[in-house]
Amino acid sequence: EDRRYYFDCVMAPHSRQIETALDKIADLPMRMYATGHGPIVRYG
């Protein structure tokens, strides 16, 4: 719920650019997202 709220506030108004960013990182082997705020994304 907290992640969705953050997305709706910060990311949703820029959805076109956010989708471009996701596509840029799509092929990288990934173990973690070391985020600027909140828990580091590892398990989900």
PDB file of all heavy atoms in Angstrom:
ATOM      1  N   GLU A   1       0.829  -1.202   0.000  1.00  0.00           N
ATOM      2  CA  GLU A   1       0.000   0.000   0.000  1.00  0.00           C
ATOM      3  C   GLU A   1       0.868   1.258   0.000  1.00  0.00           C
ATOM      4  O   GLU A   1       0.586   2.225  -0.710  1.00  0.00           O
ATOM      5  CB  GLU A   1      -0.916  -0.004   1.218  1.00  0.00           C
ATOM      6  CG  GLU A   1      -1.822   1.217   1.305  1.00  0.00           C
ATOM      7  CD  GLU A   1      -2.673   1.228   2.568  1.00  0.00           C
ATOM      8  OE1 GLU A   1      -2.893   0.140   3.138  1.00  0.00           O
ATOM      9  OE2 GLU A   1      -3.093   2.322   2.962  1.00  0.00           O
ATOM     10  N   ASP A   2       1.955   1.236   0.790  1.00  0.00           N
ATOM     11  CA  ASP A   2       2.848   2.391   0.859  1.00  0.00           C
ATOM     12  C   ASP A   2       3.593   2.591  -0.450  1.00  0.00           C
ATOM     13  O   ASP A   2       3.782   3.727  -0.905  1.00  0.00           O
ATOM     14  CB  ASP A   2       3.841   2.213   2.001  1.00  0.00           C
ATOM     15  CG  ASP A   2       3.148   2.032   3.338  1.00  0.00           C
ATOM     16  OD1 ASP A   2       2.760   3.042   3.927  1.00  0.00           O
ATOM     17  OD2 ASP A   2       2.968   0.876   3.769  1.00  0.00           O
ATOM     18  N   ARG A   3       4.021   1.485  -1.055  1.00  0.00           N
ATOM     19  CA  ARG A   3       4.696   1.591  -2.348  1.00  0.00           C
ATOM     20  C   ARG A   3       3.758   2.119  -3.432  1.00  0.00           C
ATOM     21  O   ARG A   3       4.158   2.924  -4.266  1.00  0.00           O
ATOM     22  CB  ARG A   3       5.244   0.222  -2.758  1.00  0.00           C
ATOM     23  CG  ARG A   3       6.498  -0.186  -2.009  1.00  0.00           C
ATOM     24  CD  ARG A   3       6.895  -1.601  -2.348  1.00  0.00           C
ATOM     25  NE  ARG A   3       8.245  -1.903  -1.892  1.00  0.00           N
ATOM     26  CZ  ARG A   3       8.782  -3.117  -1.911  1.00  0.00           C
ATOM     27  NH1 ARG A   3       8.062  -4.143  -2.341  1.00  0.00           N
ATOM     28  NH2 ARG A   3      10.016  -3.312  -1.500  1.00  0.00           N
ATOM     29  N   ARG A   4       2.516   1.659  -3.420  1.00  0.00           N
ATOM     30  CA  ARG A   4       1.551   2.123  -4.411  1.00  0.00           C
ATOM     31  C   ARG A   4       1.261   3.611  -4.220  1.00  0.00           C
ATOM     32  O   ARG A   4       1.163   4.362  -5.188  1.00  0.00           O
ATOM     33  CB  ARG A   4       0.253   1.307  -4.314  1.00  0.00           C
ATOM     34  CG  ARG A   4      -0.871   1.802  -5.239  1.00  0.00           C
ATOM     35  CD  ARG A   4      -0.466   1.690  -6.713  1.00  0.00           C
ATOM     36  NE  ARG A   4      -1.437   2.286  -7.599  1.00  0.00           N
ATOM     37  CZ  ARG A   4      -2.497   1.651  -8.109  1.00  0.00           C
ATOM     38  NH1 ARG A   4      -2.714   0.368  -7.797  1.00  0.00           N
ATOM     39  NH2 ARG A   4      -3.318   2.267  -8.927  1.00  0.00           N
ATOM     40  N   TYR A   5       1.129   4.030  -2.970  1.00  0.00           N
ATOM     41  CA  TYR A   5       0.870   5.446  -2.717  1.00  0.00           C
ATOM     42  C   TYR A   5       2.034   6.298  -3.206  1.00  0.00           C
ATOM     43  O   TYR A   5       1.839   7.344  -3.842  1.00  0.00           O
ATOM     44  CB  TYR A   5       0.629   5.682  -1.231  1.00  0.00           C
ATOM     45  CG  TYR A   5       0.293   7.121  -0.910  1.00  0.00           C
ATOM     46  CD1 TYR A   5      -0.988   7.610  -1.139  1.00  0.00           C
ATOM     47  CD2 TYR A   5       1.259   7.991  -0.417  1.00  0.00           C
ATOM     48  CE1 TYR A   5      -1.304   8.937  -0.872  1.00  0.00           C
ATOM     49  CE2 TYR A   5       0.951   9.316  -0.147  1.00  0.00           C
ATOM     50  CZ  TYR A   5      -0.324   9.778  -0.379  1.00  0.00           C
ATOM     51  OH  TYR A   5      -0.627  11.102  -0.131  1.00  0.00           O
ATOM     52  N   TYR A   6       3.255   5.864  -2.924  1.00  0.00           N
ATOM     53  CA  TYR A   6       4.452   6.573  -3.391  1.00  0.00           C
ATOM     54  C   TYR A   6       4.450   6.651  -4.920  1.00  0.00           C
ATOM     55  O   TYR A   6       4.725   7.703  -5.502  1.00  0.00           O
ATOM     56  CB  TYR A   6       5.694   5.843  -2.883  1.00  0.00           C
ATOM     57  CG  TYR A   6       7.011   6.437  -3.316  1.00  0.00           C
ATOM     58  CD1 TYR A   6       7.658   7.393  -2.537  1.00  0.00           C
ATOM     59  CD2 TYR A   6       7.625   6.016  -4.485  1.00  0.00           C
ATOM     60  CE1 TYR A   6       8.877   7.921  -2.929  1.00  0.00           C
ATOM     61  CE2 TYR A   6       8.846   6.542  -4.886  1.00  0.00           C
ATOM     62  CZ  TYR A   6       9.465   7.492  -4.108  1.00  0.00           C
ATOM     63  OH  TYR A   6      10.681   8.017  -4.504  1.00  0.00           O
ATOM     64  N   PHE A   7       4.133   5.540  -5.572  1.00  0.00           N
ATOM     65  CA  PHE A   7       4.073   5.525  -7.035  1.00  0.00           C
ATOM     66  C   PHE A   7       3.029   6.516  -7.540  1.00  0.00           C
ATOM     67  O   PHE A   7       3.296   7.304  -8.455  1.00  0.00           O
ATOM     68  CB  PHE A   7       3.740   4.121  -7.543  1.00  0.00           C
ATOM     69  CG  PHE A   7       3.551   4.051  -9.032  1.00  0.00           C
ATOM     70  CD1 PHE A   7       4.623   3.765  -9.870  1.00  0.00           C
ATOM     71  CD2 PHE A   7       2.308   4.279  -9.611  1.00  0.00           C
ATOM     72  CE1 PHE A   7       4.454   3.716 -11.246  1.00  0.00           C
ATOM     73  CE2 PHE A   7       2.133   4.233 -10.982  1.00  0.00           C
ATOM     74  CZ  PHE A   7       3.210   3.964 -11.803  1.00  0.00           C
ATOM     75  N   ASP A   8       1.835   6.476  -6.947  1.00  0.00           N
ATOM     76  CA  ASP A   8       0.760   7.354  -7.410  1.00  0.00           C
ATOM     77  C   ASP A   8       1.134   8.824  -7.260  1.00  0.00           C
ATOM     78  O   ASP A   8       0.766   9.650  -8.100  1.00  0.00           O
ATOM     79  CB  ASP A   8      -0.528   7.073  -6.625  1.00  0.00           C
ATOM     80  CG  ASP A   8      -1.183   5.757  -7.029  1.00  0.00           C
ATOM     81  OD1 ASP A   8      -0.834   5.228  -8.109  1.00  0.00           O
ATOM     82  OD2 ASP A   8      -2.043   5.265  -6.281  1.00  0.00           O
ATOM     83  N   CYS A   9       1.857   9.157  -6.192  1.00  0.00           N
ATOM     84  CA  CYS A   9       2.228  10.559  -5.963  1.00  0.00           C
ATOM     85  C   CYS A   9       3.421  10.997  -6.803  1.00  0.00           C
ATOM     86  O   CYS A   9       3.407  12.082  -7.390  1.00  0.00           O
ATOM     87  CB  CYS A   9       2.560  10.779  -4.489  1.00  0.00           C
ATOM     88  SG  CYS A   9       1.156  10.638  -3.381  1.00  0.00           S
ATOM     89  N   VAL A  10       4.457  10.170  -6.864  1.00  0.00           N
ATOM     90  CA  VAL A  10       5.736  10.589  -7.437  1.00  0.00           C
ATOM     91  C   VAL A  10       5.903  10.144  -8.886  1.00  0.00           C
ATOM     92  O   VAL A  10       6.471  10.870  -9.710  1.00  0.00           O
ATOM     93  CB  VAL A  10       6.907  10.041  -6.585  1.00  0.00           C
ATOM     94  CG1 VAL A  10       8.251  10.481  -7.149  1.00  0.00           C
ATOM     95  CG2 VAL A  10       6.760  10.501  -5.140  1.00  0.00           C
ATOM     96  N   MET A  11       5.404   8.954  -9.226  1.00  0.00           N
ATOM     97  CA  MET A  11       5.684   8.370 -10.527  1.00  0.00           C
ATOM     98  C   MET A  11       4.544   8.506 -11.541  1.00  0.00           C
ATOM     99  O   MET A  11       4.786   8.705 -12.732  1.00  0.00           O
ATOM    100  CB  MET A  11       6.028   6.881 -10.362  1.00  0.00           C
ATOM    101  CG  MET A  11       7.203   6.614  -9.445  1.00  0.00           C
ATOM    102  SD  MET A  11       8.729   7.302 -10.110  1.00  0.00           S
ATOM    103  CE  MET A  11       9.791   7.285  -8.670  1.00  0.00           C
ATOM    104  N   ALA A  12       3.310   8.374 -11.084  1.00  0.00           N
ATOM    105  CA  ALA A  12       2.174   8.334 -12.012  1.00  0.00           C
ATOM    106  C   ALA A  12       2.083   9.542 -12.940  1.00  0.00           C
ATOM    107  O   ALA A  12       1.755   9.388 -14.122  1.00  0.00           O
ATOM    108  CB  ALA A  12       0.864   8.162 -11.235  1.00  0.00           C
ATOM    109  N   PRO A  13       2.382  10.773 -12.478  1.00  0.00           N
ATOM    110  CA  PRO A  13       2.311  11.904 -13.407  1.00  0.00           C
ATOM    111  C   PRO A  13       3.372  11.871 -14.507  1.00  0.00           C
ATOM    112  O   PRO A  13       3.308  12.661 -15.443  1.00  0.00           O
ATOM    113  CB  PRO A  13       2.526  13.122 -12.489  1.00  0.00           C
ATOM    114  CG  PRO A  13       2.176  12.658 -11.129  1.00  0.00           C
ATOM    115  CD  PRO A  13       2.596  11.223 -11.096  1.00  0.00           C
ATOM    116  N   HIS A  14       4.348  10.963 -14.366  1.00  0.00           N
ATOM    117  CA  HIS A  14       5.416  10.854 -15.361  1.00  0.00           C
ATOM    118  C   HIS A  14       5.481   9.439 -15.924  1.00  0.00           C
ATOM    119  O   HIS A  14       6.555   8.905 -16.166  1.00  0.00           O
ATOM    120  CB  HIS A  14       6.764  11.213 -14.723  1.00  0.00           C
ATOM    121  CG  HIS A  14       6.704  12.319 -13.723  1.00  0.00           C
ATOM    122  ND1 HIS A  14       6.298  13.594 -14.053  1.00  0.00           N
ATOM    123  CD2 HIS A  14       6.960  12.350 -12.391  1.00  0.00           C
ATOM    124  CE1 HIS A  14       6.329  14.361 -12.973  1.00  0.00           C
ATOM    125  NE2 HIS A  14       6.719  13.622 -11.955  1.00  0.00           N
ATOM    126  N   SER A  15       4.340   8.812 -16.111  1.00  0.00           N
ATOM    127  CA  SER A  15       4.308   7.384 -16.429  1.00  0.00           C
ATOM    128  C   SER A  15       5.057   7.062 -17.719  1.00  0.00           C
ATOM    129  O   SER A  15       5.686   6.001 -17.830  1.00  0.00           O
ATOM    130  CB  SER A  15       2.862   6.892 -16.510  1.00  0.00           C
ATOM    131  OG  SER A  15       2.129   7.630 -17.462  1.00  0.00           O
ATOM    132  N   ARG A  16       5.000   7.951 -18.704  1.00  0.00           N
ATOM    133  CA  ARG A  16       5.709   7.679 -19.960  1.00  0.00           C
ATOM    134  C   ARG A  16       7.213   7.591 -19.714  1.00  0.00           C
ATOM    135  O   ARG A  16       7.889   6.677 -20.217  1.00  0.00           O
ATOM    136  CB  ARG A  16       5.389   8.789 -20.968  1.00  0.00           C
ATOM    137  CG  ARG A  16       6.095   8.644 -22.315  1.00  0.00           C
ATOM    138  CD  ARG A  16       5.512   9.625 -23.335  1.00  0.00           C
ATOM    139  NE  ARG A  16       5.612  11.000 -22.876  1.00  0.00           N
ATOM    140  CZ  ARG A  16       6.691  11.769 -23.054  1.00  0.00           C
ATOM    141  NH1 ARG A  16       7.771  11.279 -23.639  1.00  0.00           N
ATOM    142  NH2 ARG A  16       6.698  13.025 -22.649  1.00  0.00           N
ATOM    143  N   GLN A  17       7.750   8.527 -18.941  1.00  0.00           N
ATOM    144  CA  GLN A  17       9.189   8.506 -18.660  1.00  0.00           C
ATOM    145  C   GLN A  17       9.564   7.349 -17.738  1.00  0.00           C
ATOM    146  O   GLN A  17      10.645   6.768 -17.877  1.00  0.00           O
ATOM    147  CB  GLN A  17       9.609   9.834 -18.020  1.00  0.00           C
ATOM    148  CG  GLN A  17       9.519  11.037 -18.945  1.00  0.00           C
ATOM    149  CD  GLN A  17       8.155  11.710 -18.923  1.00  0.00           C
ATOM    150  OE1 GLN A  17       7.202  11.186 -18.348  1.00  0.00           O
ATOM    151  NE2 GLN A  17       8.057  12.885 -19.548  1.00  0.00           N
ATOM    152  N   ILE A  18       8.674   6.993 -16.820  1.00  0.00           N
ATOM    153  CA  ILE A  18       8.971   5.881 -15.913  1.00  0.00           C
ATOM    154  C   ILE A  18       9.014   4.563 -16.688  1.00  0.00           C
ATOM    155  O   ILE A  18       9.874   3.707 -16.450  1.00  0.00           O
ATOM    156  CB  ILE A  18       7.928   5.809 -14.783  1.00  0.00           C
ATOM    157  CG1 ILE A  18       7.919   7.115 -13.979  1.00  0.00           C
ATOM    158  CG2 ILE A  18       8.213   4.618 -13.877  1.00  0.00           C
ATOM    159  CD1 ILE A  18       9.260   7.537 -13.436  1.00  0.00           C
ATOM    160  N   GLU A  19       8.102   4.399 -17.649  1.00  0.00           N
ATOM    161  CA  GLU A  19       8.127   3.184 -18.465  1.00  0.00           C
ATOM    162  C   GLU A  19       9.415   3.114 -19.285  1.00  0.00           C
ATOM    163  O   GLU A  19      10.009   2.032 -19.432  1.00  0.00           O
ATOM    164  CB  GLU A  19       6.909   3.141 -19.386  1.00  0.00           C
ATOM    165  CG  GLU A  19       6.780   1.835 -20.143  1.00  0.00           C
ATOM    166  CD  GLU A  19       5.434   1.685 -20.824  1.00  0.00           C
ATOM    167  OE1 GLU A  19       4.736   2.709 -21.020  1.00  0.00           O
ATOM    168  OE2 GLU A  19       5.083   0.543 -21.168  1.00  0.00           O
ATOM    169  N   THR A  20       9.876   4.245 -19.793  1.00  0.00           N
ATOM    170  CA  THR A  20      11.147   4.279 -20.516  1.00  0.00           C
ATOM    171  C   THR A  20      12.295   3.866 -19.603  1.00  0.00           C
ATOM    172  O   THR A  20      13.181   3.104 -20.005  1.00  0.00           O
ATOM    173  CB  THR A  20      11.414   5.692 -21.074  1.00  0.00           C
ATOM    174  OG1 THR A  20      10.374   6.046 -21.985  1.00  0.00           O
ATOM    175  CG2 THR A  20      12.753   5.757 -21.790  1.00  0.00           C
ATOM    176  N   ALA A  21      12.278   4.337 -18.357  1.00  0.00           N
ATOM    177  CA  ALA A  21      13.315   3.969 -17.402  1.00  0.00           C
ATOM    178  C   ALA A  21      13.294   2.469 -17.113  1.00  0.00           C
ATOM    179  O   ALA A  21      14.349   1.819 -17.050  1.00  0.00           O
ATOM    180  CB  ALA A  21      13.133   4.758 -16.106  1.00  0.00           C
ATOM    181  N   LEU A  22      12.103   1.908 -16.949  1.00  0.00           N
ATOM    182  CA  LEU A  22      11.987   0.461 -16.708  1.00  0.00           C
ATOM    183  C   LEU A  22      12.546  -0.334 -17.883  1.00  0.00           C
ATOM    184  O   LEU A  22      13.223  -1.357 -17.690  1.00  0.00           O
ATOM    185  CB  LEU A  22      10.526   0.087 -16.472  1.00  0.00           C
ATOM    186  CG  LEU A  22       9.852   0.645 -15.217  1.00  0.00           C
ATOM    187  CD1 LEU A  22       8.394   0.203 -15.173  1.00  0.00           C
ATOM    188  CD2 LEU A  22      10.574   0.206 -13.953  1.00  0.00           C
ATOM    189  N   ASP A  23      12.276   0.121 -19.084  1.00  0.00           N
ATOM    190  CA  ASP A  23      12.782  -0.572 -20.269  1.00  0.00           C
ATOM    191  C   ASP A  23      14.309  -0.510 -20.335  1.00  0.00           C
ATOM    192  O   ASP A  23      14.958  -1.464 -20.796  1.00  0.00           O
ATOM    193  CB  ASP A  23      12.173   0.034 -21.536  1.00  0.00           C
ATOM    194  CG  ASP A  23      10.686  -0.255 -21.668  1.00  0.00           C
ATOM    195  OD1 ASP A  23      10.192  -1.170 -20.979  1.00  0.00           O
ATOM    196  OD2 ASP A  23      10.010   0.457 -22.438  1.00  0.00           O
ATOM    197  N   LYS A  24      14.886   0.593 -19.875  1.00  0.00           N
ATOM    198  CA  LYS A  24      16.341   0.741 -19.904  1.00  0.00           C
ATOM    199  C   LYS A  24      17.048  -0.262 -18.987  1.00  0.00           C
ATOM    200  O   LYS A  24      18.165  -0.691 -19.281  1.00  0.00           O
ATOM    201  CB  LYS A  24      16.737   2.171 -19.492  1.00  0.00           C
ATOM    202  CG  LYS A  24      16.497   3.232 -20.552  1.00  0.00           C
ATOM    203  CD  LYS A  24      16.981   4.589 -20.044  1.00  0.00           C
ATOM    204  CE  LYS A  24      16.796   5.682 -21.086  1.00  0.00           C
ATOM    205  NZ  LYS A  24      17.296   6.996 -20.582  1.00  0.00           N
ATOM    206  N   ILE A  25      16.422  -0.613 -17.879  1.00  0.00           N
ATOM    207  CA  ILE A  25      17.068  -1.501 -16.910  1.00  0.00           C
ATOM    208  C   ILE A  25      16.600  -2.951 -17.052  1.00  0.00           C
ATOM    209  O   ILE A  25      17.076  -3.824 -16.331  1.00  0.00           O
ATOM    210  CB  ILE A  25      16.809  -1.030 -15.463  1.00  0.00           C
ATOM    211  CG1 ILE A  25      15.325  -1.133 -15.103  1.00  0.00           C
ATOM    212  CG2 ILE A  25      17.316   0.396 -15.270  1.00  0.00           C
ATOM    213  CD1 ILE A  25      15.012  -0.850 -13.646  1.00  0.00           C
ATOM    214  N   ALA A  26      15.697  -3.209 -17.997  1.00  0.00           N
ATOM    215  CA  ALA A  26      15.035  -4.520 -18.080  1.00  0.00           C
ATOM    216  C   ALA A  26      16.014  -5.674 -18.300  1.00  0.00           C
ATOM    217  O   ALA A  26      15.784  -6.783 -17.799  1.00  0.00           O
ATOM    218  CB  ALA A  26      13.988  -4.504 -19.190  1.00  0.00           C
ATOM    219  N   ASP A  27      17.101  -5.452 -19.031  1.00  0.00           N
ATOM    220  CA  ASP A  27      18.007  -6.551 -19.373  1.00  0.00           C
ATOM    221  C   ASP A  27      19.171  -6.700 -18.403  1.00  0.00           C
ATOM    222  O   ASP A  27      20.037  -7.564 -18.607  1.00  0.00           O
ATOM    223  CB  ASP A  27      18.549  -6.344 -20.793  1.00  0.00           C
ATOM    224  CG  ASP A  27      17.453  -6.449 -21.848  1.00  0.00           C
ATOM    225  OD1 ASP A  27      16.475  -7.177 -21.610  1.00  0.00           O
ATOM    226  OD2 ASP A  27      17.571  -5.781 -22.892  1.00  0.00           O
ATOM    227  N   LEU A  28      19.226  -5.895 -17.368  1.00  0.00           N
ATOM    228  CA  LEU A  28      20.325  -5.981 -16.410  1.00  0.00           C
ATOM    229  C   LEU A  28      20.055  -7.085 -15.388  1.00  0.00           C
ATOM    230  O   LEU A  28      18.962  -7.146 -14.824  1.00  0.00           O
ATOM    231  CB  LEU A  28      20.500  -4.653 -15.672  1.00  0.00           C
ATOM    232  CG  LEU A  28      20.896  -3.434 -16.512  1.00  0.00           C
ATOM    233  CD1 LEU A  28      20.861  -2.173 -15.652  1.00  0.00           C
ATOM    234  CD2 LEU A  28      22.287  -3.621 -17.115  1.00  0.00           C
ATOM    235  N   PRO A  29      21.028  -7.981 -15.132  1.00  0.00           N
ATOM    236  CA  PRO A  29      20.854  -8.938 -14.028  1.00  0.00           C
ATOM    237  C   PRO A  29      20.717  -8.165 -12.717  1.00  0.00           C
ATOM    238  O   PRO A  29      21.524  -7.283 -12.433  1.00  0.00           O
ATOM    239  CB  PRO A  29      22.161  -9.747 -14.062  1.00  0.00           C
ATOM    240  CG  PRO A  29      22.747  -9.489 -15.409  1.00  0.00           C
ATOM    241  CD  PRO A  29      22.318  -8.124 -15.810  1.00  0.00           C
ATOM    242  N   MET A  30      19.694  -8.488 -11.943  1.00  0.00           N
ATOM    243  CA  MET A  30      19.376  -7.638 -10.803  1.00  0.00           C
ATOM    244  C   MET A  30      19.146  -8.461  -9.546  1.00  0.00           C
ATOM    245  O   MET A  30      18.347  -9.391  -9.541  1.00  0.00           O
ATOM    246  CB  MET A  30      18.116  -6.829 -11.118  1.00  0.00           C
ATOM    247  CG  MET A  30      18.026  -5.527 -10.363  1.00  0.00           C
ATOM    248  SD  MET A  30      19.125  -4.260 -11.023  1.00  0.00           S
ATOM    249  CE  MET A  30      18.344  -3.917 -12.599  1.00  0.00           C
ATOM    250  N   ARG A  31      19.851  -8.087  -8.465  1.00  0.00           N
ATOM    251  CA  ARG A  31      19.625  -8.701  -7.163  1.00  0.00           C
ATOM    252  C   ARG A  31      18.919  -7.766  -6.193  1.00  0.00           C
ATOM    253  O   ARG A  31      18.180  -8.209  -5.316  1.00  0.00           O
ATOM    254  CB  ARG A  31      20.959  -9.128  -6.543  1.00  0.00           C
ATOM    255  CG  ARG A  31      21.625 -10.307  -7.231  1.00  0.00           C
ATOM    256  CD  ARG A  31      22.908 -10.677  -6.522  1.00  0.00           C
ATOM    257  NE  ARG A  31      22.668 -10.993  -5.107  1.00  0.00           N
ATOM    258  CZ  ARG A  31      23.502 -10.678  -4.119  1.00  0.00           C
ATOM    259  NH1 ARG A  31      24.608 -10.006  -4.385  1.00  0.00           N
ATOM    260  NH2 ARG A  31      23.226 -11.013  -2.893  1.00  0.00           N
ATOM    261  N   MET A  32      19.148  -6.460  -6.358  1.00  0.00           N
ATOM    262  CA  MET A  32      18.556  -5.493  -5.430  1.00  0.00           C
ATOM    263  C   MET A  32      18.309  -4.171  -6.148  1.00  0.00           C
ATOM    264  O   MET A  32      19.048  -3.797  -7.059  1.00  0.00           O
ATOM    265  CB  MET A  32      19.489  -5.194  -4.246  1.00  0.00           C
ATOM    266  CG  MET A  32      19.832  -6.332  -3.347  1.00  0.00           C
ATOM    267  SD  MET A  32      20.910  -5.722  -2.007  1.00  0.00           S
ATOM    268  CE  MET A  32      21.764  -7.251  -1.593  1.00  0.00           C
ATOM    269  N   TYR A  33      17.276  -3.476  -5.665  1.00  0.00           N
ATOM    270  CA  TYR A  33      17.108  -2.063  -5.947  1.00  0.00           C
ATOM    271  C   TYR A  33      17.506  -1.322  -4.677  1.00  0.00           C
ATOM    272  O   TYR A  33      16.807  -1.400  -3.654  1.00  0.00           O
ATOM    273  CB  TYR A  33      15.672  -1.711  -6.302  1.00  0.00           C
ATOM    274  CG  TYR A  33      15.152  -2.301  -7.598  1.00  0.00           C
ATOM    275  CD1 TYR A  33      13.830  -2.748  -7.686  1.00  0.00           C
ATOM    276  CD2 TYR A  33      15.963  -2.394  -8.729  1.00  0.00           C
ATOM    277  CE1 TYR A  33      13.333  -3.265  -8.877  1.00  0.00           C
ATOM    278  CE2 TYR A  33      15.475  -2.921  -9.917  1.00  0.00           C
ATOM    279  CZ  TYR A  33      14.167  -3.361  -9.982  1.00  0.00           C
ATOM    280  OH  TYR A  33      13.680  -3.879 -11.156  1.00  0.00           O
ATOM    281  N   ALA A  34      18.627  -0.630  -4.713  1.00  0.00           N
ATOM    282  CA  ALA A  34      19.062   0.175  -3.574  1.00  0.00           C
ATOM    283  C   ALA A  34      18.384   1.539  -3.695  1.00  0.00           C
ATOM    284  O   ALA A  34      18.863   2.443  -4.366  1.00  0.00           O
ATOM    285  CB  ALA A  34      20.583   0.315  -3.567  1.00  0.00           C
ATOM    286  N   THR A  35      17.233   1.651  -3.064  1.00  0.00           N
ATOM    287  CA  THR A  35      16.364   2.812  -3.227  1.00  0.00           C
ATOM    288  C   THR A  35      16.857   4.016  -2.423  1.00  0.00           C
ATOM    289  O   THR A  35      17.625   3.883  -1.476  1.00  0.00           O
ATOM    290  CB  THR A  35      14.940   2.473  -2.772  1.00  0.00           C
ATOM    291  OG1 THR A  35      14.996   2.041  -1.395  1.00  0.00           O
ATOM    292  CG2 THR A  35      14.349   1.367  -3.619  1.00  0.00           C
ATOM    293  N   GLY A  36      16.355   5.190  -2.803  1.00  0.00           N
ATOM    294  CA  GLY A  36      16.673   6.401  -2.061  1.00  0.00           C
ATOM    295  C   GLY A  36      15.865   6.549  -0.793  1.00  0.00           C
ATOM    296  O   GLY A  36      16.280   7.254   0.133  1.00  0.00           O
ATOM    297  N   HIS A  37      14.695   5.877  -0.735  1.00  0.00           N
ATOM    298  CA  HIS A  37      13.814   5.980   0.434  1.00  0.00           C
ATOM    299  C   HIS A  37      13.223   4.611   0.755  1.00  0.00           C
ATOM    300  O   HIS A  37      12.860   3.851  -0.141  1.00  0.00           O
ATOM    301  CB  HIS A  37      12.674   6.960   0.175  1.00  0.00           C
ATOM    302  CG  HIS A  37      13.119   8.345  -0.163  1.00  0.00           C
ATOM    303  ND1 HIS A  37      13.680   9.192   0.754  1.00  0.00           N
ATOM    304  CD2 HIS A  37      13.087   9.034  -1.341  1.00  0.00           C
ATOM    305  CE1 HIS A  37      13.977  10.345   0.177  1.00  0.00           C
ATOM    306  NE2 HIS A  37      13.628  10.277  -1.094  1.00  0.00           N
ATOM    307  N   GLY A  38      13.107   4.316   2.044  1.00  0.00           N
ATOM    308  CA  GLY A  38      12.444   3.092   2.468  1.00  0.00           C
ATOM    309  C   GLY A  38      13.326   1.862   2.371  1.00  0.00           C
ATOM    310  O   GLY A  38      14.540   1.946   2.170  1.00  0.00           O
ATOM    311  N   PRO A  39      12.728   0.670   2.509  1.00  0.00           N
ATOM    312  CA  PRO A  39      13.505  -0.572   2.495  1.00  0.00           C
ATOM    313  C   PRO A  39      14.165  -0.833   1.143  1.00  0.00           C
ATOM    314  O   PRO A  39      13.610  -0.508   0.089  1.00  0.00           O
ATOM    315  CB  PRO A  39      12.450  -1.648   2.795  1.00  0.00           C
ATOM    316  CG  PRO A  39      11.288  -0.923   3.386  1.00  0.00           C
ATOM    317  CD  PRO A  39      11.298   0.436   2.773  1.00  0.00           C
ATOM    318  N   ILE A  40      15.348  -1.439   1.178  1.00  0.00           N
ATOM    319  CA  ILE A  40      16.003  -1.904  -0.049  1.00  0.00           C
ATOM    320  C   ILE A  40      15.175  -3.052  -0.627  1.00  0.00           C
ATOM    321  O   ILE A  40      14.726  -3.942   0.102  1.00  0.00           O
ATOM    322  CB  ILE A  40      17.440  -2.379   0.253  1.00  0.00           C
ATOM    323  CG1 ILE A  40      18.296  -1.190   0.721  1.00  0.00           C
ATOM    324  CG2 ILE A  40      18.066  -3.049  -0.962  1.00  0.00           C
ATOM    325  CD1 ILE A  40      19.677  -1.597   1.210  1.00  0.00           C
ATOM    326  N   VAL A  41      14.962  -3.032  -1.925  1.00  0.00           N
ATOM    327  CA  VAL A  41      14.105  -4.036  -2.575  1.00  0.00           C
ATOM    328  C   VAL A  41      14.959  -5.250  -2.927  1.00  0.00           C
ATOM    329  O   VAL A  41      15.833  -5.178  -3.801  1.00  0.00           O
ATOM    330  CB  VAL A  41      13.437  -3.445  -3.839  1.00  0.00           C
ATOM    331  CG1 VAL A  41      12.520  -4.493  -4.482  1.00  0.00           C
ATOM    332  CG2 VAL A  41      12.656  -2.185  -3.497  1.00  0.00           C
ATOM    333  N   ARG A  42      14.682  -6.350  -2.269  1.00  0.00           N
ATOM    334  CA  ARG A  42      15.434  -7.588  -2.490  1.00  0.00           C
ATOM    335  C   ARG A  42      14.508  -8.777  -2.671  1.00  0.00           C
ATOM    336  O   ARG A  42      14.613  -9.519  -3.638  1.00  0.00           O
ATOM    337  CB  ARG A  42      16.382  -7.824  -1.317  1.00  0.00           C
ATOM    338  CG  ARG A  42      17.192  -9.112  -1.408  1.00  0.00           C
ATOM    339  CD  ARG A  42      18.102  -9.253  -0.191  1.00  0.00           C
ATOM    340  NE  ARG A  42      18.855 -10.487  -0.180  1.00  0.00           N
ATOM    341  CZ  ARG A  42      19.659 -10.859   0.814  1.00  0.00           C
ATOM    342  NH1 ARG A  42      19.810 -10.070   1.880  1.00  0.00           N
ATOM    343  NH2 ARG A  42      20.304 -12.009   0.763  1.00  0.00           N
ATOM    344  N   TYR A  43      13.578  -8.954  -1.744  1.00  0.00           N
ATOM    345  CA  TYR A  43      12.740 -10.146  -1.753  1.00  0.00           C
ATOM    346  C   TYR A  43      11.559 -10.020  -2.714  1.00  0.00           C
ATOM    347  O   TYR A  43      11.121 -11.023  -3.277  1.00  0.00           O
ATOM    348  CB  TYR A  43      12.244 -10.441  -0.332  1.00  0.00           C
ATOM    349  CG  TYR A  43      13.373 -10.740   0.620  1.00  0.00           C
ATOM    350  CD1 TYR A  43      13.879  -9.751   1.459  1.00  0.00           C
ATOM    351  CD2 TYR A  43      13.970 -11.991   0.649  1.00  0.00           C
ATOM    352  CE1 TYR A  43      14.932 -10.009   2.329  1.00  0.00           C
ATOM    353  CE2 TYR A  43      15.020 -12.263   1.511  1.00  0.00           C
ATOM    354  CZ  TYR A  43      15.509 -11.265   2.339  1.00  0.00           C
ATOM    355  OH  TYR A  43      16.566 -11.535   3.187  1.00  0.00           O
ATOM    356  N   GLY A  44      11.059  -8.837  -2.903  1.00  0.00           N
ATOM    357  CA  GLY A  44       9.923  -8.641  -3.805  1.00  0.00           C
ATOM    358  C   GLY A  44      10.299  -7.879  -5.047  1.00  0.00           C
ATOM    359  O   GLY A  44       9.478  -7.135  -5.607  1.00  0.00           O
TER     360      GLY A  44
END
